Amino acid sequence: MVTKGALVPGKGKKTDTLYTTTGSGNTIVATVAENIADLWHYRLGHMSQKGMKQLLSRGKLPELKSVDLSTCESCIMGKRKKEYCANHGIRMEKAIPGTPHQNGVAERLNRTINERAKSMRLHVGLPPTFWADAISSAVYLINRRPSVPLDCELPEEVWSRREANLSHLKTFGCLTYVLVDSNARNKLEAKSRKCYFIGYRDKAFGYRFWDDQGRKIIRSRNVIFNEKIIYKNKTSPDVEEAPQKPDFVRLDDLLEVTMHERDVSDMESGSSTSTSIITLLNPGPNFPTAAIHRTTRTICPPQRFSPTLNYILLTDGGEPQS
């Protein structure tokens, strides 16, 4: 017999040299748990309180009188996501790590959104920094297309129970002219600003635009669309072309080079015109040799620098006297 004061936690008998207890195993395990309900909670693999109540009502847990579970730290750390999904009607399906294709519809839909956003962005030539706007616009459009699981109905109509209007859809990345508020401009400034369409607003009717000059996003509904021009077809600001400098060529050098080339080609072909070319390259004494574009005026120094004039000035002034 095992005693602790007046308490007898267990009894046993001696078999040879070994003492064996005859108490129930549940008593030993129960020392870890605060009550019997927590013990069955551990036995059932951390079953929820709702599930344990159903088992208790069916008579599967005769040892329990009520299901009053204490705070289980393991359930908080390990089952919080499961509890959230269960409360919001989300069914969790596990898959083998490294096999995303087992995710089924969700994985294929992510690929559809990604591919559509990529096609929209590459079509208009927007930089990769607009990937979020392309994804948002792709989802907005997918919700307004026929869906096979919904018998080819529009998801937006099924969700809102209202007929979807597609007349406001525009080409992603096209050129637009957004009206500038009268309070943000003076009388001499333009009333519209060139922007590019990058998406729709979430809750209110309107559009989102990218101001390429001001480097900011604008939200407005007073706009004119030009879907014939997209972002990659935009024209850069007009740059004044620098005046081209005239190329001056010396005619005498050009004539000499041209004749020399003709001389070489004729000598290789054995032509009889080489004699006349040599005559032009070596002109006789009677051949005029006037320089082209050169003046024939005689350059003379001015009279005020003449030494005779300086001598006369010295004479009129008189000789210096010592």
C-alpha atoms as a PDB file:
ATOM      1  CA  MET A   1       0.000   0.000   0.000  1.00  0.00           C
ATOM      2  CA  VAL A   2       1.227   3.460  -0.942  1.00  0.00           C
ATOM      3  CA  THR A   3       0.225   6.109   1.546  1.00  0.00           C
ATOM      4  CA  LYS A   4       0.821   9.827   1.896  1.00  0.00           C
ATOM      5  CA  GLY A   5      -0.520  10.939   5.229  1.00  0.00           C
ATOM      6  CA  ALA A   6      -4.153   9.924   5.313  1.00  0.00           C
ATOM      7  CA  LEU A   7      -4.280   9.591   1.491  1.00  0.00           C
ATOM      8  CA  VAL A   8      -3.936   6.194  -0.148  1.00  0.00           C
ATOM      9  CA  PRO A   9      -3.123   6.864  -3.836  1.00  0.00           C
ATOM     10  CA  GLY A  10      -2.608   3.180  -4.702  1.00  0.00           C
ATOM     11  CA  LYS A  11      -2.439  -0.393  -3.590  1.00  0.00           C
ATOM     12  CA  GLY A  12      -0.385  -3.312  -4.795  1.00  0.00           C
ATOM     13  CA  LYS A  13       0.929  -6.746  -4.009  1.00  0.00           C
ATOM     14  CA  LYS A  14       4.382  -8.233  -3.914  1.00  0.00           C
ATOM     15  CA  THR A  15       5.238 -10.710  -6.592  1.00  0.00           C
ATOM     16  CA  ASP A  16       8.618 -12.224  -5.855  1.00  0.00           C
ATOM     17  CA  THR A  17      10.768  -9.108  -5.429  1.00  0.00           C
ATOM     18  CA  LEU A  18       8.557  -6.710  -7.462  1.00  0.00           C
ATOM     19  CA  TYR A  19       5.622  -4.682  -6.216  1.00  0.00           C
ATOM     20  CA  THR A  20       2.803  -4.193  -8.776  1.00  0.00           C
ATOM     21  CA  THR A  21      -0.022  -1.707  -8.333  1.00  0.00           C
ATOM     22  CA  THR A  22      -3.620  -2.564  -8.971  1.00  0.00           C
ATOM     23  CA  GLY A  23      -4.886   1.006  -9.457  1.00  0.00           C
ATOM     24  CA  SER A  24      -6.493   2.308 -12.671  1.00  0.00           C
ATOM     25  CA  GLY A  25      -4.234   3.803 -15.355  1.00  0.00           C
ATOM     26  CA  ASN A  26      -6.602   6.717 -15.791  1.00  0.00           C
ATOM     27  CA  THR A  27      -5.677   7.981 -12.346  1.00  0.00           C
ATOM     28  CA  ILE A  28      -2.044   8.401 -13.327  1.00  0.00           C
ATOM     29  CA  VAL A  29      -2.837  10.215 -16.557  1.00  0.00           C
ATOM     30  CA  ALA A  30      -5.391  12.404 -14.859  1.00  0.00           C
ATOM     31  CA  THR A  31      -2.708  13.982 -12.741  1.00  0.00           C
ATOM     32  CA  VAL A  32      -1.522  15.878 -15.843  1.00  0.00           C
ATOM     33  CA  ALA A  33      -4.972  17.221 -16.678  1.00  0.00           C
ATOM     34  CA  GLU A  34      -6.973  19.521 -14.496  1.00  0.00           C
ATOM     35  CA  ASN A  35     -10.174  17.564 -14.972  1.00  0.00           C
ATOM     36  CA  ILE A  36     -11.514  14.576 -16.833  1.00  0.00           C
ATOM     37  CA  ALA A  37     -12.811  16.719 -19.678  1.00  0.00           C
ATOM     38  CA  ASP A  38      -9.318  17.939 -20.486  1.00  0.00           C
ATOM     39  CA  LEU A  39      -8.094  14.354 -20.369  1.00  0.00           C
ATOM     40  CA  TRP A  40     -10.595  13.258 -22.992  1.00  0.00           C
ATOM     41  CA  HIS A  41      -9.755  16.368 -24.967  1.00  0.00           C
ATOM     42  CA  TYR A  42      -6.167  15.122 -25.183  1.00  0.00           C
ATOM     43  CA  ARG A  43      -7.262  11.557 -25.915  1.00  0.00           C
ATOM     44  CA  LEU A  44      -9.471  12.615 -28.775  1.00  0.00           C
ATOM     45  CA  GLY A  45      -6.634  14.513 -30.439  1.00  0.00           C
ATOM     46  CA  HIS A  46      -7.578  17.984 -29.207  1.00  0.00           C
ATOM     47  CA  MET A  47     -11.142  17.675 -30.430  1.00  0.00           C
ATOM     48  CA  SER A  48     -13.217  20.816 -30.273  1.00  0.00           C
ATOM     49  CA  GLN A  49     -15.697  21.430 -27.510  1.00  0.00           C
ATOM     50  CA  LYS A  50     -18.571  21.195 -29.972  1.00  0.00           C
ATOM     51  CA  GLY A  51     -17.482  17.749 -31.123  1.00  0.00           C
ATOM     52  CA  MET A  52     -17.070  16.485 -27.594  1.00  0.00           C
ATOM     53  CA  LYS A  53     -20.586  17.638 -26.719  1.00  0.00           C
ATOM     54  CA  GLN A  54     -21.958  15.656 -29.647  1.00  0.00           C
ATOM     55  CA  LEU A  55     -20.142  12.526 -28.444  1.00  0.00           C
ATOM     56  CA  LEU A  56     -21.417  13.132 -24.931  1.00  0.00           C
ATOM     57  CA  SER A  57     -25.013  13.426 -26.150  1.00  0.00           C
ATOM     58  CA  ARG A  58     -24.657  10.109 -27.985  1.00  0.00           C
ATOM     59  CA  GLY A  59     -23.376   8.360 -24.865  1.00  0.00           C
ATOM     60  CA  LYS A  60     -19.841   7.840 -26.147  1.00  0.00           C
ATOM     61  CA  LEU A  61     -18.233   9.510 -23.123  1.00  0.00           C
ATOM     62  CA  PRO A  62     -19.953   8.004 -20.080  1.00  0.00           C
ATOM     63  CA  GLU A  63     -17.299   9.256 -17.690  1.00  0.00           C
ATOM     64  CA  LEU A  64     -18.121  12.895 -18.464  1.00  0.00           C
ATOM     65  CA  LYS A  65     -20.967  14.819 -16.986  1.00  0.00           C
ATOM     66  CA  SER A  66     -20.234  18.095 -18.806  1.00  0.00           C
ATOM     67  CA  VAL A  67     -17.671  19.406 -21.261  1.00  0.00           C
ATOM     68  CA  ASP A  68     -15.958  22.364 -19.648  1.00  0.00           C
ATOM     69  CA  LEU A  69     -12.564  22.674 -21.279  1.00  0.00           C
ATOM     70  CA  SER A  70      -9.876  24.944 -19.933  1.00  0.00           C
ATOM     71  CA  THR A  71      -7.630  27.068 -22.130  1.00  0.00           C
ATOM     72  CA  CYS A  72      -5.493  24.822 -24.325  1.00  0.00           C
ATOM     73  CA  GLU A  73      -2.345  26.595 -25.498  1.00  0.00           C
ATOM     74  CA  SER A  74      -1.624  23.934 -28.123  1.00  0.00           C
ATOM     75  CA  CYS A  75      -5.004  24.466 -29.749  1.00  0.00           C
ATOM     76  CA  ILE A  76      -4.479  28.225 -29.830  1.00  0.00           C
ATOM     77  CA  MET A  77      -1.104  27.887 -31.518  1.00  0.00           C
ATOM     78  CA  GLY A  78      -1.949  25.044 -33.877  1.00  0.00           C
ATOM     79  CA  LYS A  79      -5.651  25.270 -34.712  1.00  0.00           C
ATOM     80  CA  ARG A  80      -6.329  28.978 -34.989  1.00  0.00           C
ATOM     81  CA  LYS A  81      -6.422  28.808 -38.808  1.00  0.00           C
ATOM     82  CA  LYS A  82      -8.693  25.793 -38.745  1.00  0.00           C
ATOM     83  CA  GLU A  83     -11.084  27.516 -36.378  1.00  0.00           C
ATOM     84  CA  TYR A  84     -11.164  30.614 -38.562  1.00  0.00           C
ATOM     85  CA  CYS A  85     -11.898  28.591 -41.692  1.00  0.00           C
ATOM     86  CA  ALA A  86     -14.571  26.563 -39.922  1.00  0.00           C
ATOM     87  CA  ASN A  87     -16.342  29.678 -38.647  1.00  0.00           C
ATOM     88  CA  HIS A  88     -16.310  31.293 -42.098  1.00  0.00           C
ATOM     89  CA  GLY A  89     -17.396  28.263 -44.097  1.00  0.00           C
ATOM     90  CA  ILE A  90     -13.989  27.579 -45.660  1.00  0.00           C
ATOM     91  CA  ARG A  91     -13.019  23.988 -46.371  1.00  0.00           C
ATOM     92  CA  MET A  92      -9.324  23.207 -46.070  1.00  0.00           C
ATOM     93  CA  GLU A  93      -7.781  20.605 -48.374  1.00  0.00           C
ATOM     94  CA  LYS A  94      -4.238  19.464 -47.685  1.00  0.00           C
ATOM     95  CA  ALA A  95      -1.740  18.757 -50.453  1.00  0.00           C
ATOM     96  CA  ILE A  96       1.745  17.303 -50.681  1.00  0.00           C
ATOM     97  CA  PRO A  97       4.492  19.959 -50.330  1.00  0.00           C
ATOM     98  CA  GLY A  98       5.991  21.013 -53.652  1.00  0.00           C
ATOM     99  CA  THR A  99       2.925  20.029 -55.696  1.00  0.00           C
ATOM    100  CA  PRO A 100       0.922  23.243 -56.272  1.00  0.00           C
ATOM    101  CA  HIS A 101      -1.034  21.615 -59.086  1.00  0.00           C
ATOM    102  CA  GLN A 102      -2.930  19.615 -56.441  1.00  0.00           C
ATOM    103  CA  ASN A 103      -4.566  22.804 -55.209  1.00  0.00           C
ATOM    104  CA  GLY A 104      -7.091  22.510 -57.987  1.00  0.00           C
ATOM    105  CA  VAL A 105      -9.341  25.408 -58.876  1.00  0.00           C
ATOM    106  CA  ALA A 106      -7.629  27.983 -56.664  1.00  0.00           C
ATOM    107  CA  GLU A 107      -4.204  27.372 -58.209  1.00  0.00           C
ATOM    108  CA  ARG A 108      -5.554  27.479 -61.763  1.00  0.00           C
ATOM    109  CA  LEU A 109      -7.432  30.698 -61.038  1.00  0.00           C
ATOM    110  CA  ASN A 110      -4.259  32.322 -59.714  1.00  0.00           C
ATOM    111  CA  ARG A 111      -2.519  31.387 -62.931  1.00  0.00           C
ATOM    112  CA  THR A 112      -5.417  32.774 -64.968  1.00  0.00           C
ATOM    113  CA  ILE A 113      -5.255  36.094 -63.127  1.00  0.00           C
ATOM    114  CA  ASN A 114      -1.480  36.282 -63.467  1.00  0.00           C
ATOM    115  CA  GLU A 115      -1.481  35.469 -67.167  1.00  0.00           C
ATOM    116  CA  ARG A 116      -4.265  37.908 -67.955  1.00  0.00           C
ATOM    117  CA  ALA A 117      -2.583  40.716 -66.011  1.00  0.00           C
ATOM    118  CA  LYS A 118       0.718  39.971 -67.727  1.00  0.00           C
ATOM    119  CA  SER A 119      -0.900  40.068 -71.168  1.00  0.00           C
ATOM    120  CA  MET A 120      -2.643  43.363 -70.418  1.00  0.00           C
ATOM    121  CA  ARG A 121       0.543  45.013 -69.165  1.00  0.00           C
ATOM    122  CA  LEU A 122       2.751  43.783 -72.003  1.00  0.00           C
ATOM    123  CA  HIS A 123       0.181  44.813 -74.602  1.00  0.00           C
ATOM    124  CA  VAL A 124       0.266  48.475 -73.606  1.00  0.00           C
ATOM    125  CA  GLY A 125       3.951  48.561 -72.624  1.00  0.00           C
ATOM    126  CA  LEU A 126       3.522  49.675 -69.007  1.00  0.00           C
ATOM    127  CA  PRO A 127       6.557  49.081 -66.729  1.00  0.00           C
ATOM    128  CA  PRO A 128       6.479  46.212 -64.196  1.00  0.00           C
ATOM    129  CA  THR A 129       5.803  48.686 -61.368  1.00  0.00           C
ATOM    130  CA  PHE A 130       2.133  48.677 -62.465  1.00  0.00           C
ATOM    131  CA  TRP A 131       1.704  44.945 -61.763  1.00  0.00           C
ATOM    132  CA  ALA A 132      -0.737  45.608 -58.896  1.00  0.00           C
ATOM    133  CA  ASP A 133      -2.979  47.764 -61.105  1.00  0.00           C
ATOM    134  CA  ALA A 134      -2.901  45.110 -63.822  1.00  0.00           C
ATOM    135  CA  ILE A 135      -3.854  42.382 -61.317  1.00  0.00           C
ATOM    136  CA  SER A 136      -6.706  44.477 -59.921  1.00  0.00           C
ATOM    137  CA  SER A 137      -8.046  45.229 -63.399  1.00  0.00           C
ATOM    138  CA  ALA A 138      -7.763  41.565 -64.399  1.00  0.00           C
ATOM    139  CA  VAL A 139      -9.812  40.461 -61.374  1.00  0.00           C
ATOM    140  CA  TYR A 140     -12.375  43.182 -62.091  1.00  0.00           C
ATOM    141  CA  LEU A 141     -12.791  41.860 -65.628  1.00  0.00           C
ATOM    142  CA  ILE A 142     -12.816  38.170 -64.649  1.00  0.00           C
ATOM    143  CA  ASN A 143     -15.761  38.857 -62.347  1.00  0.00           C
ATOM    144  CA  ARG A 144     -17.638  40.159 -65.368  1.00  0.00           C
ATOM    145  CA  ARG A 145     -17.048  37.261 -67.724  1.00  0.00           C
ATOM    146  CA  PRO A 146     -19.103  34.048 -68.080  1.00  0.00           C
ATOM    147  CA  SER A 147     -18.094  31.399 -65.565  1.00  0.00           C
ATOM    148  CA  VAL A 148     -18.466  27.709 -66.366  1.00  0.00           C
ATOM    149  CA  PRO A 149     -19.072  26.576 -62.740  1.00  0.00           C
ATOM    150  CA  LEU A 150     -21.913  29.130 -62.578  1.00  0.00           C
ATOM    151  CA  ASP A 151     -23.575  27.842 -65.754  1.00  0.00           C
ATOM    152  CA  CYS A 152     -21.958  30.625 -67.820  1.00  0.00           C
ATOM    153  CA  GLU A 153     -23.406  33.371 -65.661  1.00  0.00           C
ATOM    154  CA  LEU A 154     -21.444  36.452 -64.641  1.00  0.00           C
ATOM    155  CA  PRO A 155     -19.985  36.216 -61.115  1.00  0.00           C
ATOM    156  CA  GLU A 156     -20.788  39.884 -60.509  1.00  0.00           C
ATOM    157  CA  GLU A 157     -24.463  39.323 -61.289  1.00  0.00           C
ATOM    158  CA  VAL A 158     -24.642  36.234 -59.079  1.00  0.00           C
ATOM    159  CA  TRP A 159     -22.945  38.041 -56.204  1.00  0.00           C
ATOM    160  CA  SER A 160     -24.822  41.346 -56.350  1.00  0.00           C
ATOM    161  CA  ARG A 161     -28.055  39.963 -57.848  1.00  0.00           C
ATOM    162  CA  ARG A 162     -28.095  42.871 -60.261  1.00  0.00           C
ATOM    163  CA  GLU A 163     -27.493  43.038 -63.977  1.00  0.00           C
ATOM    164  CA  ALA A 164     -23.894  43.948 -64.759  1.00  0.00           C
ATOM    165  CA  ASN A 165     -23.248  46.898 -67.079  1.00  0.00           C
ATOM    166  CA  LEU A 166     -20.229  46.572 -69.381  1.00  0.00           C
ATOM    167  CA  SER A 167     -20.536  49.874 -71.226  1.00  0.00           C
ATOM    168  CA  HIS A 168     -17.946  51.577 -69.001  1.00  0.00           C
ATOM    169  CA  LEU A 169     -15.131  49.133 -69.781  1.00  0.00           C
ATOM    170  CA  LYS A 170     -12.135  50.682 -71.550  1.00  0.00           C
ATOM    171  CA  THR A 171      -8.788  49.504 -72.894  1.00  0.00           C
ATOM    172  CA  PHE A 172      -6.193  49.156 -70.162  1.00  0.00           C
ATOM    173  CA  GLY A 173      -3.320  51.615 -70.627  1.00  0.00           C
ATOM    174  CA  CYS A 174      -4.970  53.814 -73.268  1.00  0.00           C
ATOM    175  CA  LEU A 175      -4.522  57.577 -73.539  1.00  0.00           C
ATOM    176  CA  THR A 176      -7.038  59.762 -71.704  1.00  0.00           C
ATOM    177  CA  TYR A 177      -7.748  63.455 -71.222  1.00  0.00           C
ATOM    178  CA  VAL A 178      -8.685  64.051 -67.591  1.00  0.00           C
ATOM    179  CA  LEU A 179     -10.530  67.254 -66.732  1.00  0.00           C
ATOM    180  CA  VAL A 180      -8.601  69.505 -64.366  1.00  0.00           C
ATOM    181  CA  ASP A 181     -10.720  71.084 -61.648  1.00  0.00           C
ATOM    182  CA  SER A 182     -11.231  74.818 -61.999  1.00  0.00           C
ATOM    183  CA  ASN A 183      -9.781  75.333 -58.532  1.00  0.00           C
ATOM    184  CA  ALA A 184      -6.525  73.653 -59.571  1.00  0.00           C
ATOM    185  CA  ARG A 185      -5.801  75.771 -62.654  1.00  0.00           C
ATOM    186  CA  ASN A 186      -5.833  79.368 -63.782  1.00  0.00           C
ATOM    187  CA  LYS A 187      -7.425  80.920 -66.844  1.00  0.00           C
ATOM    188  CA  LEU A 188      -4.376  80.467 -69.044  1.00  0.00           C
ATOM    189  CA  GLU A 189      -3.727  76.783 -68.329  1.00  0.00           C
ATOM    190  CA  ALA A 190      -5.166  73.815 -70.204  1.00  0.00           C
ATOM    191  CA  LYS A 191      -8.450  72.371 -68.966  1.00  0.00           C
ATOM    192  CA  SER A 192      -7.402  68.758 -69.523  1.00  0.00           C
ATOM    193  CA  ARG A 193      -4.336  66.719 -68.683  1.00  0.00           C
ATOM    194  CA  LYS A 194      -2.937  63.760 -70.589  1.00  0.00           C
ATOM    195  CA  CYS A 195      -3.011  60.579 -68.509  1.00  0.00           C
ATOM    196  CA  TYR A 196      -3.170  56.815 -69.008  1.00  0.00           C
ATOM    197  CA  PHE A 197      -5.966  54.543 -67.818  1.00  0.00           C
ATOM    198  CA  ILE A 198      -4.746  51.962 -65.254  1.00  0.00           C
ATOM    199  CA  GLY A 199      -7.880  50.619 -63.570  1.00  0.00           C
ATOM    200  CA  TYR A 200     -11.313  50.969 -62.046  1.00  0.00           C
ATOM    201  CA  ARG A 201     -12.343  52.144 -58.623  1.00  0.00           C
ATOM    202  CA  ASP A 202     -13.506  49.564 -56.113  1.00  0.00           C
ATOM    203  CA  LYS A 203     -16.691  50.907 -54.529  1.00  0.00           C
ATOM    204  CA  ALA A 204     -17.656  54.002 -56.535  1.00  0.00           C
ATOM    205  CA  PHE A 205     -17.991  54.499 -60.258  1.00  0.00           C
ATOM    206  CA  GLY A 206     -14.868  56.060 -61.624  1.00  0.00           C
ATOM    207  CA  TYR A 207     -11.451  55.357 -63.079  1.00  0.00           C
ATOM    208  CA  ARG A 208      -7.811  55.466 -62.024  1.00  0.00           C
ATOM    209  CA  PHE A 209      -5.260  57.241 -64.204  1.00  0.00           C
ATOM    210  CA  TRP A 210      -1.498  57.603 -64.260  1.00  0.00           C
ATOM    211  CA  ASP A 211      -0.165  61.118 -64.778  1.00  0.00           C
ATOM    212  CA  ASP A 212       3.141  60.398 -66.487  1.00  0.00           C
ATOM    213  CA  GLN A 213       4.259  64.022 -66.308  1.00  0.00           C
ATOM    214  CA  GLY A 214       3.310  64.654 -62.683  1.00  0.00           C
ATOM    215  CA  ARG A 215       4.262  61.079 -61.609  1.00  0.00           C
ATOM    216  CA  LYS A 216       1.087  60.500 -59.596  1.00  0.00           C
ATOM    217  CA  ILE A 217      -2.226  58.599 -59.691  1.00  0.00           C
ATOM    218  CA  ILE A 218      -5.461  60.508 -60.343  1.00  0.00           C
ATOM    219  CA  ARG A 219      -9.028  59.328 -59.683  1.00  0.00           C
ATOM    220  CA  SER A 220     -11.734  60.923 -61.789  1.00  0.00           C
ATOM    221  CA  ARG A 221     -14.821  60.257 -63.880  1.00  0.00           C
ATOM    222  CA  ASN A 222     -14.748  63.378 -66.081  1.00  0.00           C
ATOM    223  CA  VAL A 223     -12.519  62.047 -68.804  1.00  0.00           C
ATOM    224  CA  ILE A 224     -12.299  61.509 -72.554  1.00  0.00           C
ATOM    225  CA  PHE A 225     -10.772  58.223 -73.764  1.00  0.00           C
ATOM    226  CA  ASN A 226      -8.636  57.752 -76.863  1.00  0.00           C
ATOM    227  CA  GLU A 227      -8.326  53.980 -77.154  1.00  0.00           C
ATOM    228  CA  LYS A 228      -6.379  54.203 -80.423  1.00  0.00           C
ATOM    229  CA  ILE A 229      -3.258  55.359 -78.549  1.00  0.00           C
ATOM    230  CA  ILE A 230      -1.727  53.274 -75.756  1.00  0.00           C
ATOM    231  CA  TYR A 231       1.163  53.870 -73.377  1.00  0.00           C
ATOM    232  CA  LYS A 232       3.913  52.418 -75.559  1.00  0.00           C
ATOM    233  CA  ASN A 233       2.794  54.539 -78.536  1.00  0.00           C
ATOM    234  CA  LYS A 234       3.130  57.822 -76.679  1.00  0.00           C
ATOM    235  CA  THR A 235       5.200  60.532 -78.355  1.00  0.00           C
ATOM    236  CA  SER A 236       8.026  62.198 -76.524  1.00  0.00           C
ATOM    237  CA  PRO A 237       8.014  66.000 -76.115  1.00  0.00           C
ATOM    238  CA  ASP A 238       9.087  67.921 -79.163  1.00  0.00           C
ATOM    239  CA  VAL A 239      12.784  68.637 -79.081  1.00  0.00           C
ATOM    240  CA  GLU A 240      14.105  71.516 -81.100  1.00  0.00           C
ATOM    241  CA  GLU A 241      16.507  70.222 -83.655  1.00  0.00           C
ATOM    242  CA  ALA A 242      19.891  71.908 -83.689  1.00  0.00           C
ATOM    243  CA  PRO A 243      20.649  73.709 -86.948  1.00  0.00           C
ATOM    244  CA  GLN A 244      22.846  71.621 -89.160  1.00  0.00           C
ATOM    245  CA  LYS A 245      26.192  73.119 -89.972  1.00  0.00           C
ATOM    246  CA  PRO A 246      26.919  73.414 -93.689  1.00  0.00           C
ATOM    247  CA  ASP A 247      29.639  71.137 -94.949  1.00  0.00           C
ATOM    248  CA  PHE A 248      32.218  73.067 -96.984  1.00  0.00           C
ATOM    249  CA  VAL A 249      34.219  71.015 -99.441  1.00  0.00           C
ATOM    250  CA  ARG A 250      37.253  72.318-101.281  1.00  0.00           C
ATOM    251  CA  LEU A 251      36.501  71.828-104.928  1.00  0.00           C
ATOM    252  CA  ASP A 252      40.130  71.582-105.937  1.00  0.00           C
ATOM    253  CA  ASP A 253      40.752  68.730-103.477  1.00  0.00           C
ATOM    254  CA  LEU A 254      37.534  67.020-104.535  1.00  0.00           C
ATOM    255  CA  LEU A 255      38.503  67.314-108.202  1.00  0.00           C
ATOM    256  CA  GLU A 256      41.941  65.868-107.536  1.00  0.00           C
ATOM    257  CA  VAL A 257      40.582  62.913-105.525  1.00  0.00           C
ATOM    258  CA  THR A 258      37.892  62.187-108.103  1.00  0.00           C
ATOM    259  CA  MET A 259      40.323  62.248-110.967  1.00  0.00           C
ATOM    260  CA  HIS A 260      42.754  60.027-109.091  1.00  0.00           C
ATOM    261  CA  GLU A 261      40.058  57.420-108.493  1.00  0.00           C
ATOM    262  CA  ARG A 262      39.073  57.484-112.126  1.00  0.00           C
ATOM    263  CA  ASP A 263      42.717  57.127-113.123  1.00  0.00           C
ATOM    264  CA  VAL A 264      43.165  54.018-110.973  1.00  0.00           C
ATOM    265  CA  SER A 265      39.973  52.408-112.223  1.00  0.00           C
ATOM    266  CA  ASP A 266      40.774  53.127-115.862  1.00  0.00           C
ATOM    267  CA  MET A 267      44.303  51.783-115.532  1.00  0.00           C
ATOM    268  CA  GLU A 268      42.959  48.538-114.107  1.00  0.00           C
ATOM    269  CA  SER A 269      40.400  48.217-116.907  1.00  0.00           C
ATOM    270  CA  GLY A 270      42.880  49.231-119.656  1.00  0.00           C
ATOM    271  CA  SER A 271      40.765  52.112-120.855  1.00  0.00           C
ATOM    272  CA  SER A 272      42.132  54.717-123.268  1.00  0.00           C
ATOM    273  CA  THR A 273      40.838  57.660-121.270  1.00  0.00           C
ATOM    274  CA  SER A 274      43.783  57.654-118.884  1.00  0.00           C
ATOM    275  CA  THR A 275      45.729  60.036-121.109  1.00  0.00           C
ATOM    276  CA  SER A 276      43.120  62.754-120.848  1.00  0.00           C
ATOM    277  CA  ILE A 277      42.905  62.305-117.071  1.00  0.00           C
ATOM    278  CA  ILE A 278      46.643  62.688-116.706  1.00  0.00           C
ATOM    279  CA  THR A 279      46.431  65.826-118.748  1.00  0.00           C
ATOM    280  CA  LEU A 280      43.880  67.281-116.351  1.00  0.00           C
ATOM    281  CA  LEU A 281      45.932  66.341-113.313  1.00  0.00           C
ATOM    282  CA  ASN A 282      49.037  67.941-114.842  1.00  0.00           C
ATOM    283  CA  PRO A 283      47.777  71.048-116.625  1.00  0.00           C
ATOM    284  CA  GLY A 284      49.986  73.040-118.944  1.00  0.00           C
ATOM    285  CA  PRO A 285      51.262  76.598-118.438  1.00  0.00           C
ATOM    286  CA  ASN A 286      48.258  78.115-120.226  1.00  0.00           C
ATOM    287  CA  PHE A 287      45.755  76.383-117.912  1.00  0.00           C
ATOM    288  CA  PRO A 288      44.043  78.912-115.618  1.00  0.00           C
ATOM    289  CA  THR A 289      44.979  78.316-111.999  1.00  0.00           C
ATOM    290  CA  ALA A 290      42.801  80.898-110.305  1.00  0.00           C
ATOM    291  CA  ALA A 291      41.874  79.865-106.788  1.00  0.00           C
ATOM    292  CA  ILE A 292      38.217  79.034-106.329  1.00  0.00           C
ATOM    293  CA  HIS A 293      36.339  81.155-103.794  1.00  0.00           C
ATOM    294  CA  ARG A 294      39.435  83.244-103.103  1.00  0.00           C
ATOM    295  CA  THR A 295      39.656  87.030-103.455  1.00  0.00           C
ATOM    296  CA  THR A 296      42.267  88.646-105.742  1.00  0.00           C
ATOM    297  CA  ARG A 297      42.330  92.002-103.897  1.00  0.00           C
ATOM    298  CA  THR A 298      45.774  93.266-102.870  1.00  0.00           C
ATOM    299  CA  ILE A 299      46.090  93.608 -99.115  1.00  0.00           C
ATOM    300  CA  CYS A 300      47.873  96.839 -98.056  1.00  0.00           C
ATOM    301  CA  PRO A 301      48.509  98.297 -94.588  1.00  0.00           C
ATOM    302  CA  PRO A 302      46.617 101.505 -93.706  1.00  0.00           C
ATOM    303  CA  GLN A 303      48.255 104.890 -94.355  1.00  0.00           C
ATOM    304  CA  ARG A 304      48.281 105.870 -90.686  1.00  0.00           C
ATOM    305  CA  PHE A 305      51.002 103.316 -90.075  1.00  0.00           C
ATOM    306  CA  SER A 306      53.228 104.639 -92.880  1.00  0.00           C
ATOM    307  CA  PRO A 307      56.812 105.534 -91.740  1.00  0.00           C
ATOM    308  CA  THR A 308      56.768 108.702 -93.911  1.00  0.00           C
ATOM    309  CA  LEU A 309      53.795 110.077 -92.002  1.00  0.00           C
ATOM    310  CA  ASN A 310      55.502 109.423 -88.705  1.00  0.00           C
ATOM    311  CA  TYR A 311      58.582 111.306 -89.880  1.00  0.00           C
ATOM    312  CA  ILE A 312      56.511 114.354 -90.871  1.00  0.00           C
ATOM    313  CA  LEU A 313      54.862 114.460 -87.482  1.00  0.00           C
ATOM    314  CA  LEU A 314      58.215 114.478 -85.786  1.00  0.00           C
ATOM    315  CA  THR A 315      59.391 117.354 -88.031  1.00  0.00           C
ATOM    316  CA  ASP A 316      56.338 119.499 -87.341  1.00  0.00           C
ATOM    317  CA  GLY A 317      56.735 118.999 -83.645  1.00  0.00           C
ATOM    318  CA  GLY A 318      60.311 120.181 -83.729  1.00  0.00           C
ATOM    319  CA  GLU A 319      63.481 118.582 -82.546  1.00  0.00           C
ATOM    320  CA  PRO A 320      63.853 118.047 -78.823  1.00  0.00           C
ATOM    321  CA  GLN A 321      66.206 120.592 -77.189  1.00  0.00           C
ATOM    322  CA  SER A 322      68.567 119.723 -74.386  1.00  0.00           C
END
